[in-house]
Amino acid sequence: MKLTVDEVKHVAELAKLALTEEEIQQFTEQLSAILDYAEQVQAVDTSAVPPTPYVLPLVNVLDEDRPRPSLPTDVALANAPDREDGYFRVRAVFEE
């Protein structure tokens, strides 16, 4: 499907894009090539292919939930901008 320069300008205007004449020519060719490819894909007979949301089967890969040692407090708070008594100190969010 060959796009015209006016169609590309119209789409650019809708998208609020300021394109140069060189960009308009480039995008006219590129978008036309993309639409040609989409037409080829649409021409493929998929009537024997059942609808499916995924191409590959899904399998949940979960790590076993087991206790592990956590970071030492001084390492966890190393980059904290403000801390007090081994905790992050932040401004109050709620009124008292």
Foldseek 3Di string as FASTA:
>chain_A
DQDDLVVLVVVCVVVVHDDDPVVSVVCRVVVVVVVVVVVVVVPDDCVVPDDDPDPDDDDDDDDDDDDDDDDDLCVVCVPAPDDDPSGRDDDDDDDD
